Amino acid sequence: MRLRRKPWAVKWLADHADLVITQAKAETLKNNWQSIFPKEQPIMIEVGTGKGQFIIGMAKKFPDINFIGMEIQEGAVAVAGRKAFEDADELPNLRFVYGDGAGVDTYFAKGEVAKVYLNFSDPWPKSGHEKRRLTYKSFLQSYENILPANGEVEFKTDNRGLFEYSLGSFANYGMTFDKVWLDMHNEDPANLEQNVETEYEQKFKVKGPIYKYLGHFNAK
């Protein structure tokens, strides 16, 4: 879902380029992302971070991990960045990239990212838009290129069609299914203790099931 244009976003992003990194700068940081964080610790990324509720919550919950939220919409990444800036003292382990999630391997080196999160991605339901889905095989290849051997992908959605498509895509790519939830908020209460909700999850969990996949690439 596209946000309305934020007139303040361009200037705000320019003034906070150390927090919200441009696509051009991100490409220069390949294999050197630890240099932008105060502490060297595992890096995990969310592709399509939206307005940032999940990645901000994760960074607060797990201070021993460095997090990066990637978002292509200017308005969304500006909103996320501004939220994080308001709590900057609590979030030294969080940065954003204002850039395209396609080809994340242009930003990160092999093994530089410990885990990839995909939350409530645009389903792109038309068959002609299949290649835009974040679980399409070309995206999976780019995630594999930045993760270590047996690197993990975690995927959540409320869209059953996208979930079924994605399970097929993961299987066809040869990924291992560690666990699949068909209704994560009702079938596995223990899992919710570690769960950080996105804005979409809060909105749609009362309307129907939230689906979740946790899996990994197999070492080659």
Protein backbone atom coordinates (compact mmCIF):
# COMPACT_ATOMS: atom_id res chain seq x y z
CA MET A 1 0.00 0.00 0.00
CA ARG A 2 1.39 3.37 -1.02
CA LEU A 3 1.37 6.23 1.47
CA ARG A 4 0.39 9.76 0.65
CA ARG A 5 3.30 12.01 -0.21
CA LYS A 6 4.99 13.53 2.84
CA PRO A 7 6.09 17.09 1.93
CA TRP A 8 8.58 17.13 4.79
CA ALA A 9 10.22 13.81 3.86
CA VAL A 10 12.87 14.97 1.38
CA LYS A 11 14.46 17.48 3.73
CA TRP A 12 14.13 15.23 6.76
CA LEU A 13 15.85 12.36 4.99
CA ALA A 14 18.65 14.64 3.81
CA ASP A 15 19.16 15.93 7.35
CA HIS A 16 19.28 12.40 8.81
CA ALA A 17 21.36 10.57 6.24
CA ASP A 18 23.31 8.79 8.97
CA LEU A 19 20.10 7.06 10.14
CA VAL A 20 18.35 6.57 6.80
CA ILE A 21 21.00 5.62 4.28
CA THR A 22 20.53 6.25 0.58
CA GLN A 23 20.76 3.47 -1.97
CA ALA A 24 23.94 4.98 -3.43
CA LYS A 25 25.66 5.07 -0.04
CA ALA A 26 24.42 1.56 0.79
CA GLU A 27 26.29 0.21 -2.21
CA THR A 28 29.55 1.67 -0.86
CA LEU A 29 29.05 -0.02 2.51
CA LYS A 30 29.10 -3.56 1.13
CA ASN A 31 31.21 -5.74 3.43
CA ASN A 32 31.61 -2.79 5.83
CA TRP A 33 28.19 -2.39 7.48
CA GLN A 34 29.54 -2.95 10.97
CA SER A 35 31.34 0.39 10.65
CA ILE A 36 28.06 2.33 10.95
CA PHE A 37 27.04 0.72 14.25
CA PRO A 38 28.56 1.45 17.69
CA LYS A 39 28.96 -2.28 18.40
CA GLU A 40 29.92 -5.14 16.10
CA GLN A 41 27.19 -7.76 16.39
CA PRO A 42 25.02 -9.87 14.04
CA ILE A 43 23.08 -7.93 11.41
CA MET A 44 19.49 -8.82 10.52
CA ILE A 45 17.44 -7.05 7.85
CA GLU A 46 13.78 -6.54 7.07
CA VAL A 47 13.01 -6.13 3.37
CA GLY A 48 9.99 -3.86 3.02
CA THR A 49 9.99 -2.30 6.47
CA GLY A 50 7.01 0.00 5.89
CA LYS A 51 6.50 2.51 8.71
CA GLY A 52 8.97 0.65 10.88
CA GLN A 53 6.96 -0.75 13.78
CA PHE A 54 8.46 -4.25 13.48
CA ILE A 55 12.10 -3.31 13.02
CA ILE A 56 11.97 -0.67 15.77
CA GLY A 57 10.36 -3.18 18.12
CA MET A 58 12.97 -5.81 17.27
CA ALA A 59 15.86 -3.39 17.82
CA LYS A 60 14.51 -2.51 21.27
CA LYS A 61 13.80 -6.14 22.18
CA PHE A 62 17.17 -7.47 21.00
CA PRO A 63 19.89 -4.86 21.68
CA ASP A 64 22.62 -7.45 21.01
CA ILE A 65 21.66 -7.53 17.31
CA ASN A 66 22.09 -4.79 14.69
CA PHE A 67 19.00 -4.25 12.54
CA ILE A 68 18.50 -2.64 9.13
CA GLY A 69 15.07 -1.86 7.67
CA MET A 70 14.91 -1.55 3.88
CA GLU A 71 12.09 0.40 2.24
CA ILE A 72 11.57 1.76 -1.27
CA GLN A 73 8.72 4.20 -0.46
CA GLU A 74 10.05 7.62 0.50
CA GLY A 75 7.11 8.48 2.76
CA ALA A 76 7.20 5.15 4.60
CA VAL A 77 10.94 5.16 5.27
CA ALA A 78 10.77 8.80 6.41
CA VAL A 79 7.99 7.95 8.89
CA ALA A 80 9.98 4.94 10.14
CA GLY A 81 13.15 6.98 10.45
CA ARG A 82 11.42 9.77 12.33
CA LYS A 83 9.92 7.28 14.81
CA ALA A 84 13.35 5.77 15.40
CA PHE A 85 14.98 9.19 15.76
CA GLU A 86 12.57 10.06 18.56
CA ASP A 87 13.94 7.06 20.49
CA ALA A 88 17.51 7.36 19.24
CA ASP A 89 19.05 6.77 22.67
CA GLU A 90 17.34 3.36 22.81
CA LEU A 91 18.19 2.43 19.23
CA PRO A 92 21.93 2.62 18.52
CA ASN A 93 21.52 -0.78 16.81
CA LEU A 94 19.08 0.38 14.11
CA ARG A 95 19.54 1.89 10.65
CA PHE A 96 17.38 2.14 7.53
CA VAL A 97 18.08 1.95 3.81
CA TYR A 98 15.94 4.01 1.45
CA GLY A 99 16.29 1.76 -1.54
CA ASP A 100 15.02 -1.12 -3.62
CA GLY A 101 14.88 -4.55 -1.96
CA ALA A 102 15.54 -6.16 -5.33
CA GLY A 103 19.17 -7.13 -5.51
CA VAL A 104 20.06 -6.80 -1.82
CA ASP A 105 23.31 -8.47 -2.77
CA THR A 106 24.42 -5.16 -4.28
CA TYR A 107 24.44 -3.77 -0.72
CA PHE A 108 25.60 -6.74 1.37
CA ALA A 109 28.37 -9.31 1.00
CA LYS A 110 28.01 -13.05 1.47
CA GLY A 111 27.46 -13.85 5.14
CA GLU A 112 27.21 -10.19 6.14
CA VAL A 113 23.54 -10.60 7.08
CA ALA A 114 22.50 -13.21 9.67
CA LYS A 115 18.76 -13.34 8.90
CA VAL A 116 16.17 -11.89 6.51
CA TYR A 117 12.64 -10.91 7.57
CA LEU A 118 9.77 -10.50 5.08
CA ASN A 119 6.64 -9.13 6.70
CA PHE A 120 3.28 -8.54 5.01
CA SER A 121 4.82 -7.97 1.60
CA ASP A 122 2.76 -6.63 -1.29
CA PRO A 123 1.08 -9.78 -2.75
CA TRP A 124 1.17 -8.52 -6.35
CA PRO A 125 -1.79 -10.82 -7.15
CA LYS A 126 -1.74 -10.49 -10.94
CA SER A 127 0.19 -13.31 -12.61
CA GLY A 128 2.08 -10.80 -14.74
CA HIS A 129 3.51 -9.26 -11.57
CA GLU A 130 4.94 -12.51 -10.18
CA LYS A 131 8.54 -11.31 -10.51
CA ARG A 132 7.80 -8.40 -8.13
CA ARG A 133 6.87 -10.67 -5.23
CA LEU A 134 9.55 -10.69 -2.53
CA THR A 135 9.43 -14.48 -2.45
CA TYR A 136 10.01 -14.90 -6.20
CA LYS A 137 13.06 -17.00 -7.07
CA SER A 138 15.25 -14.04 -8.08
CA PHE A 139 14.67 -12.44 -4.67
CA LEU A 140 15.44 -15.75 -2.96
CA GLN A 141 18.71 -15.89 -4.86
CA SER A 142 19.67 -12.43 -3.64
CA TYR A 143 18.86 -13.36 -0.02
CA GLU A 144 20.95 -16.51 -0.31
CA ASN A 145 23.83 -14.39 -1.64
CA ILE A 146 23.98 -12.30 1.55
CA LEU A 147 23.27 -14.95 4.17
CA PRO A 148 25.73 -17.46 5.63
CA ALA A 149 25.41 -21.15 4.85
CA ASN A 150 22.05 -22.35 6.21
CA GLY A 151 20.92 -18.71 6.61
CA GLU A 152 17.35 -18.14 7.76
CA VAL A 153 14.35 -16.42 6.19
CA GLU A 154 11.24 -15.58 8.24
CA PHE A 155 8.08 -14.66 6.35
CA LYS A 156 4.68 -13.51 7.66
CA THR A 157 1.52 -12.55 5.80
CA ASP A 158 -2.24 -12.40 6.15
CA ASN A 159 -2.69 -13.15 2.44
CA ARG A 160 -3.37 -16.84 1.91
CA GLY A 161 -2.72 -16.68 -1.83
CA LEU A 162 0.71 -15.13 -1.32
CA PHE A 163 1.48 -17.61 1.44
CA GLU A 164 0.65 -20.62 -0.74
CA TYR A 165 2.62 -19.17 -3.63
CA SER A 166 5.58 -18.50 -1.33
CA LEU A 167 5.61 -22.01 0.13
CA GLY A 168 5.81 -23.32 -3.42
CA SER A 169 8.57 -20.88 -4.28
CA PHE A 170 10.59 -21.86 -1.18
CA ALA A 171 10.15 -25.55 -1.99
CA ASN A 172 11.07 -25.16 -5.66
CA TYR A 173 14.19 -23.26 -4.66
CA GLY A 174 15.21 -26.17 -2.43
CA MET A 175 14.86 -24.40 0.92
CA THR A 176 14.24 -26.32 4.13
CA PHE A 177 10.98 -25.79 6.01
CA ASP A 178 11.83 -25.46 9.70
CA LYS A 179 8.28 -24.59 10.74
CA VAL A 180 5.05 -23.41 9.15
CA TRP A 181 2.20 -21.73 11.06
CA LEU A 182 -1.27 -21.60 9.49
CA ASP A 183 -2.69 -19.47 12.31
CA MET A 184 0.25 -18.31 14.41
CA HIS A 185 -1.75 -16.27 16.92
CA ASN A 186 -3.91 -19.24 17.94
CA GLU A 187 -1.91 -22.40 17.36
CA ASP A 188 1.39 -21.57 19.08
CA PRO A 189 1.08 -19.23 22.10
CA ALA A 190 4.72 -19.82 23.12
CA ASN A 191 5.89 -18.40 19.79
CA LEU A 192 4.09 -15.13 20.53
CA GLU A 193 6.43 -14.39 23.43
CA GLN A 194 9.16 -13.59 20.91
CA ASN A 195 6.85 -12.13 18.27
CA VAL A 196 7.02 -8.43 17.40
CA GLU A 197 3.96 -7.28 15.48
CA THR A 198 3.87 -5.05 12.43
CA GLU A 199 1.16 -2.44 11.88
CA TYR A 200 -0.56 -4.81 9.44
CA GLU A 201 -0.41 -7.71 11.87
CA GLN A 202 -2.13 -5.70 14.59
CA LYS A 203 -4.85 -4.69 12.16
CA PHE A 204 -5.51 -7.99 10.41
CA LYS A 205 -4.99 -10.61 13.15
CA VAL A 206 -8.58 -9.99 14.33
CA LYS A 207 -9.94 -10.50 10.80
CA GLY A 208 -8.34 -13.85 10.02
CA PRO A 209 -5.27 -16.03 10.45
CA ILE A 210 -1.70 -14.79 10.18
CA TYR A 211 0.51 -17.23 8.30
CA LYS A 212 4.20 -17.66 9.04
CA TYR A 213 7.13 -19.57 7.55
CA LEU A 214 10.55 -20.08 9.07
CA GLY A 215 13.13 -21.81 6.92
CA HIS A 216 16.69 -21.77 5.70
CA PHE A 217 18.84 -22.15 2.64
CA ASN A 218 20.84 -25.33 2.43
CA ALA A 219 24.62 -25.09 2.29
CA LYS A 220 25.98 -25.76 -1.21
